[in-house]
Amino acid sequence: MLQIMTYSGRMSALLFLCGTCLSSLLYAQETRQATANPARPAPLSTEAGISPELLTILQTWETQSGTVTRSRGEFSRIEYDKIMLSAKCALGKYWYEGPDKGRMDFSPNEAATGKEVKKRNQVFTCNPDQAKTWICNGKEILDIDIVKKEYNRIKIPAQYQGQNIADGPLPFLFGMNAQKMQQRYMLELGSLHDPHKIIHIIAYPKLAAEQREYRVAEVLLDPTTYLPQAVQLMDTTGNKETVYVFSKHDKVSGPWLPTAPWNPPMLFYKEITNQTAEPTLEREAARPFNTQGIMLR
């Protein structure tokens, strides 16, 4: 597994775009669920380790992901800081091409400046986030600061390129494999789950390397299309939560026009770091994990 600690935020953000990469639904749910009950674990099956319902969902999600080769869309992002009671607000666009290319552009949400948002009975003041771009072109990762005109480059070892990037830090982005998900994550259905309206999956990392990156990830899927509606990540301290709400998903059937988004011109940008990611042990020992759940609300 690639250990790329510096870029885990945006990489983890992309992880649920998968091969299947809307909406105001989550904002309404955040308000309605402000006093919701804690996460309820799904009944476990002794053989698979997860409920039969969740196993079927994972297998269907994997199948649906495999049908998407190119996709692009739009999202909003809010990063909640529980200590400062502030929130960084951004608008974004994403591009995906299987099996191993992804890009997310973040721009400041100026319209949200000074506005208050409520999350679990806490009130946060919004500030526009900085303009940044994250790109994985299959061979390297670029983390670009648009304002400072600087970027960091991390090369992906050959053994993790292509389809094998699913074994790296982006398992959900570059190929939803149901079996590997069960090996690497403790999975359960969340309290928002309704098979006719919304799929709510909670994932707790089992591997120590991933436990150092984030405590828990949650995703809301459309039960018909299996397209992500929202993703929420909690950092290891429990003091920051990042929510992505997807407002648009478009499949792209032809070539990218005018050009593919993976190799932008960097002529006037300064390269800060250029290194190769060091692989860690594929099956690093798992540490005990917290199963309290945080809920998309």
Protein backbone atom coordinates (compact mmCIF):
# COMPACT_ATOMS: atom_id res chain seq x y z
CA MET A 1 0.00 0.00 0.00
CA LEU A 2 1.35 3.45 -0.87
CA GLN A 3 2.01 5.60 2.14
CA ILE A 4 1.36 9.16 0.94
CA MET A 5 0.43 10.92 4.13
CA THR A 6 0.57 14.53 2.94
CA TYR A 7 -2.09 14.10 0.31
CA SER A 8 -4.48 11.82 2.18
CA GLY A 9 -7.24 14.42 2.43
CA ARG A 10 -7.88 14.86 -1.26
CA MET A 11 -6.95 11.27 -2.04
CA SER A 12 -9.46 10.03 0.48
CA ALA A 13 -11.95 12.45 -0.95
CA LEU A 14 -11.61 10.82 -4.32
CA LEU A 15 -11.77 7.32 -2.97
CA PHE A 16 -15.53 7.07 -3.23
CA LEU A 17 -15.76 8.46 -6.75
CA CYS A 18 -14.83 4.96 -7.89
CA GLY A 19 -15.64 4.03 -11.39
CA THR A 20 -19.16 5.28 -10.65
CA CYS A 21 -18.77 8.48 -9.95
CA LEU A 22 -26.69 14.83 -5.79
CA SER A 23 -27.44 17.23 -4.21
CA SER A 24 -29.45 19.16 -1.78
CA LEU A 25 -30.57 15.86 -0.31
CA LEU A 26 -27.66 15.71 2.13
CA TYR A 27 -28.10 19.30 3.28
CA ALA A 28 -31.70 18.55 4.18
CA GLN A 29 -30.66 15.32 5.84
CA GLU A 30 -27.99 17.08 7.89
CA THR A 31 -30.66 19.29 9.38
CA ARG A 32 -33.22 16.52 9.92
CA GLN A 33 -30.63 14.12 11.36
CA ALA A 34 -29.09 16.54 13.84
CA THR A 35 -30.46 14.49 16.71
CA ALA A 36 -30.30 11.10 15.04
CA ASN A 37 -29.29 7.98 16.94
CA PRO A 38 -25.67 6.73 16.79
CA ALA A 39 -24.70 4.33 14.04
CA ARG A 40 -26.32 0.94 14.29
CA PRO A 41 -24.14 -1.96 13.19
CA ALA A 42 -25.64 -4.22 10.58
CA PRO A 43 -26.31 -7.80 11.67
CA LEU A 44 -23.18 -9.75 10.85
CA SER A 45 -23.10 -12.99 8.92
CA THR A 46 -20.64 -15.46 10.39
CA GLU A 47 -19.21 -16.43 7.00
CA ALA A 48 -18.70 -13.13 5.20
CA GLY A 49 -18.29 -10.89 8.25
CA ILE A 50 -21.00 -8.56 6.98
CA SER A 51 -24.73 -8.85 6.51
CA PRO A 52 -26.01 -10.57 3.35
CA GLU A 53 -27.70 -7.29 2.37
CA LEU A 54 -24.46 -5.33 2.56
CA LEU A 55 -22.56 -8.05 0.68
CA THR A 56 -25.08 -7.81 -2.16
CA ILE A 57 -24.71 -4.02 -2.17
CA LEU A 58 -20.92 -4.24 -2.42
CA GLN A 59 -21.10 -6.73 -5.27
CA THR A 60 -23.61 -4.60 -7.15
CA TRP A 61 -21.53 -1.47 -6.57
CA GLU A 62 -18.48 -3.26 -7.96
CA THR A 63 -20.42 -4.33 -11.06
CA GLN A 64 -21.86 -0.86 -11.64
CA SER A 65 -18.43 0.74 -11.18
CA GLY A 66 -17.05 -1.45 -13.93
CA THR A 67 -19.46 0.03 -16.46
CA VAL A 68 -18.04 3.55 -16.18
CA THR A 69 -14.84 4.28 -18.08
CA ARG A 70 -15.04 8.09 -18.14
CA SER A 71 -17.01 10.44 -15.93
CA ARG A 72 -17.05 14.06 -14.80
CA GLY A 73 -19.17 16.04 -12.42
CA GLU A 74 -19.55 18.75 -9.80
CA PHE A 75 -19.60 18.84 -6.01
CA SER A 76 -19.45 21.07 -2.97
CA ARG A 77 -17.07 20.51 -0.08
CA ILE A 78 -17.21 21.64 3.55
CA GLU A 79 -14.45 20.94 6.06
CA TYR A 80 -15.72 21.37 9.61
CA ASP A 81 -13.26 22.32 12.37
CA LYS A 82 -14.83 21.49 15.74
CA ILE A 83 -12.16 23.32 17.71
CA MET A 84 -12.41 26.65 15.89
CA LEU A 85 -16.11 26.22 15.00
CA SER A 86 -15.24 27.29 11.48
CA ALA A 87 -15.80 25.65 8.12
CA LYS A 88 -13.81 25.84 4.89
CA CYS A 89 -16.23 25.92 1.97
CA ALA A 90 -15.35 25.08 -1.62
CA LEU A 91 -17.00 24.28 -4.92
CA GLY A 92 -15.45 21.67 -7.15
CA LYS A 93 -15.34 19.68 -10.34
CA TYR A 94 -14.02 16.17 -10.87
CA TRP A 95 -12.89 14.02 -13.79
CA TYR A 96 -12.39 10.26 -13.78
CA GLU A 97 -11.05 7.78 -16.32
CA GLY A 98 -10.57 4.12 -15.54
CA PRO A 99 -8.59 2.42 -14.38
CA ASP A 100 -6.26 4.91 -12.71
CA LYS A 101 -6.86 8.58 -13.58
CA GLY A 102 -8.66 11.15 -11.46
CA ARG A 103 -8.76 14.90 -10.94
CA MET A 104 -10.48 17.25 -8.50
CA ASP A 105 -10.47 21.06 -8.82
CA PHE A 106 -11.39 23.12 -5.76
CA SER A 107 -12.41 26.78 -5.92
CA PRO A 108 -13.40 29.13 -3.07
CA ASN A 109 -17.12 29.24 -2.35
CA GLU A 110 -17.27 33.00 -2.00
CA ALA A 111 -21.07 33.01 -1.72
CA ALA A 112 -20.81 31.08 1.56
CA THR A 113 -18.49 33.60 3.23
CA GLY A 114 -19.70 34.49 6.72
CA LYS A 115 -22.73 32.22 6.56
CA GLU A 116 -23.47 29.87 9.43
CA VAL A 117 -24.01 26.14 8.96
CA LYS A 118 -25.26 23.77 11.62
CA LYS A 119 -23.95 20.26 12.14
CA ARG A 120 -24.99 18.09 15.07
CA ASN A 121 -26.10 21.07 17.15
CA GLN A 122 -22.88 22.96 16.56
CA VAL A 123 -22.81 26.17 14.54
CA PHE A 124 -19.89 26.77 12.17
CA THR A 125 -18.95 29.97 10.33
CA CYS A 126 -18.06 29.45 6.67
CA ASN A 127 -14.89 30.78 5.09
CA PRO A 128 -13.96 30.26 1.42
CA ASP A 129 -11.36 27.55 0.92
CA GLN A 130 -8.29 28.06 -1.25
CA ALA A 131 -8.10 27.18 -4.92
CA LYS A 132 -6.32 23.85 -5.36
CA THR A 133 -6.13 20.96 -7.80
CA TRP A 134 -5.44 17.29 -7.19
CA ILE A 135 -4.50 15.03 -10.12
CA CYS A 136 -3.58 11.38 -10.49
CA ASN A 137 -2.57 10.58 -14.07
CA GLY A 138 -1.85 6.92 -13.39
CA LYS A 139 1.89 7.33 -12.99
CA GLU A 140 2.17 10.23 -10.58
CA ILE A 141 0.17 12.42 -8.22
CA LEU A 142 0.17 16.21 -8.48
CA ASP A 143 -0.96 18.39 -5.58
CA ILE A 144 -1.26 21.91 -6.99
CA ASP A 145 -1.64 25.18 -5.08
CA ILE A 146 -3.29 27.54 -7.59
CA VAL A 147 -2.77 30.68 -5.48
CA LYS A 148 0.92 30.16 -4.74
CA LYS A 149 1.55 28.59 -8.16
CA GLU A 150 3.38 25.69 -6.52
CA TYR A 151 2.96 21.94 -6.75
CA ASN A 152 4.16 18.69 -5.25
CA ARG A 153 4.78 15.60 -7.36
CA ILE A 154 4.75 12.02 -6.11
CA LYS A 155 5.55 9.19 -8.48
CA ILE A 156 3.58 5.96 -8.14
CA PRO A 157 5.71 2.79 -8.14
CA ALA A 158 5.13 0.59 -11.17
CA GLN A 159 3.59 -2.23 -9.13
CA TYR A 160 0.75 0.11 -8.09
CA GLN A 161 -0.06 1.59 -11.49
CA GLY A 162 -3.00 0.61 -13.66
CA GLN A 163 -5.51 -1.80 -12.16
CA ASN A 164 -3.14 -2.41 -9.25
CA ILE A 165 -3.73 1.11 -7.94
CA ALA A 166 -6.74 -0.41 -6.17
CA ASP A 167 -4.18 -1.94 -3.81
CA GLY A 168 -2.85 1.49 -2.93
CA PRO A 169 -4.43 4.31 -0.95
CA LEU A 170 -7.30 4.77 -3.43
CA PRO A 171 -9.17 1.46 -3.26
CA PHE A 172 -12.59 2.94 -3.82
CA LEU A 173 -11.61 5.29 -6.62
CA PHE A 174 -9.78 2.87 -8.87
CA GLY A 175 -11.97 -0.19 -8.73
CA MET A 176 -14.59 -1.19 -6.21
CA ASN A 177 -13.61 -4.75 -5.37
CA ALA A 178 -16.06 -6.23 -2.87
CA GLN A 179 -13.65 -8.86 -1.57
CA LYS A 180 -10.80 -6.45 -0.95
CA MET A 181 -13.14 -4.01 0.75
CA GLN A 182 -14.05 -6.69 3.27
CA GLN A 183 -10.38 -7.49 3.82
CA ARG A 184 -9.35 -3.91 4.46
CA TYR A 185 -12.40 -2.36 6.14
CA MET A 186 -14.95 -3.13 8.78
CA LEU A 187 -18.17 -2.32 6.97
CA GLU A 188 -21.69 -1.69 8.15
CA LEU A 189 -24.90 -0.02 7.06
CA GLY A 190 -25.57 3.36 8.67
CA SER A 191 -28.69 4.78 10.26
CA LEU A 192 -29.71 6.64 7.10
CA HIS A 193 -29.86 3.41 5.11
CA ASP A 194 -33.14 2.76 3.32
CA PRO A 195 -32.81 0.28 0.43
CA HIS A 196 -35.57 2.06 -1.50
CA LYS A 197 -34.28 5.59 -1.00
CA ILE A 198 -30.60 5.70 -0.11
CA ILE A 199 -27.66 3.40 0.63
CA HIS A 200 -25.56 4.42 3.62
CA ILE A 201 -22.24 2.59 4.07
CA ILE A 202 -19.77 3.15 6.92
CA ALA A 203 -16.17 1.97 6.50
CA TYR A 204 -13.62 1.66 9.33
CA PRO A 205 -10.07 0.99 8.12
CA LYS A 206 -8.44 -2.17 9.49
CA LEU A 207 -4.88 -1.51 8.33
CA ALA A 208 -2.74 0.58 10.66
CA ALA A 209 -1.44 2.75 7.81
CA GLU A 210 -4.96 3.74 6.84
CA GLN A 211 -6.03 4.17 10.45
CA ARG A 212 -3.37 6.87 10.68
CA GLU A 213 -5.02 8.66 7.77
CA TYR A 214 -8.68 8.75 8.83
CA ARG A 215 -10.89 7.27 11.50
CA VAL A 216 -13.99 6.47 9.49
CA ALA A 217 -15.46 7.14 6.04
CA GLU A 218 -19.13 7.20 5.07
CA VAL A 219 -20.84 7.24 1.71
CA LEU A 220 -24.37 7.78 0.47
CA LEU A 221 -25.26 6.00 -2.78
CA ASP A 222 -28.26 6.27 -5.04
CA PRO A 223 -29.90 2.80 -4.78
CA THR A 224 -30.81 2.82 -8.47
CA THR A 225 -27.65 4.09 -10.14
CA TYR A 226 -25.14 3.44 -7.32
CA LEU A 227 -23.71 6.90 -8.00
CA PRO A 228 -22.27 8.64 -4.93
CA GLN A 229 -24.48 11.36 -3.50
CA ALA A 230 -22.20 12.30 -0.63
CA VAL A 231 -19.02 11.29 1.17
CA GLN A 232 -17.99 12.16 4.71
CA LEU A 233 -14.57 11.63 6.29
CA MET A 234 -13.49 12.05 9.91
CA ASP A 235 -9.82 12.65 10.66
CA THR A 236 -7.91 10.67 13.26
CA THR A 237 -8.37 13.28 15.99
CA GLY A 238 -12.14 13.40 15.59
CA ASN A 239 -11.94 17.21 15.41
CA LYS A 240 -12.37 17.60 11.66
CA GLU A 241 -15.05 16.26 9.37
CA THR A 242 -15.09 16.79 5.63
CA VAL A 243 -18.30 16.43 3.63
CA TYR A 244 -18.54 16.17 -0.15
CA VAL A 245 -21.96 16.54 -1.79
CA PHE A 246 -22.14 15.62 -5.48
CA SER A 247 -24.55 17.66 -7.58
CA LYS A 248 -23.72 16.29 -11.03
CA HIS A 249 -22.44 13.09 -12.64
CA ASP A 250 -21.97 12.86 -16.42
CA LYS A 251 -20.68 9.84 -18.28
CA VAL A 252 -18.27 10.74 -21.07
CA SER A 253 -18.50 8.46 -24.09
CA GLY A 254 -15.99 10.08 -26.41
CA PRO A 255 -12.51 11.56 -25.98
CA TRP A 256 -11.85 14.45 -23.64
CA LEU A 257 -12.27 17.80 -25.37
CA PRO A 258 -10.36 19.97 -25.87
CA THR A 259 -7.66 17.95 -24.07
CA ALA A 260 -7.42 15.33 -21.35
CA PRO A 261 -7.31 16.91 -17.87
CA TRP A 262 -4.45 14.77 -16.50
CA ASN A 263 -1.41 16.72 -17.69
CA PRO A 264 -1.98 20.48 -17.27
CA PRO A 265 0.74 22.92 -18.33
CA MET A 266 2.95 23.69 -15.31
CA LEU A 267 5.25 26.19 -17.02
CA PHE A 268 4.66 29.00 -14.53
CA TYR A 269 4.40 26.77 -11.45
CA LYS A 270 7.24 25.97 -9.06
CA GLU A 271 7.87 22.34 -8.17
CA ILE A 272 8.31 21.98 -4.39
CA THR A 273 8.81 18.23 -4.04
CA ASN A 274 9.45 15.41 -6.49
CA GLN A 275 9.64 11.97 -4.96
CA THR A 276 8.54 8.39 -5.35
CA ALA A 277 6.03 6.97 -2.91
CA GLU A 278 7.49 4.22 -0.77
CA PRO A 279 5.36 1.07 -0.53
CA THR A 280 4.61 -0.23 2.93
CA LEU A 281 3.68 -3.76 3.90
CA GLU A 282 0.53 -4.80 2.03
CA ARG A 283 -1.04 -6.34 5.09
CA GLU A 284 0.15 -4.18 7.93
CA ALA A 285 -1.14 -5.25 11.32
CA ALA A 286 -4.44 -3.65 12.23
CA ARG A 287 -4.88 -1.58 15.34
CA PRO A 288 -8.10 -1.61 17.35
CA PHE A 289 -10.67 0.62 15.68
CA ASN A 290 -13.36 2.86 17.08
CA THR A 291 -16.83 1.80 15.93
CA GLN A 292 -18.86 4.67 17.33
CA GLY A 293 -19.80 6.01 13.91
CA ILE A 294 -20.27 9.68 13.08
CA MET A 295 -23.18 9.76 10.64
CA LEU A 296 -23.78 11.98 7.65
CA ARG A 297 -25.75 14.62 9.47
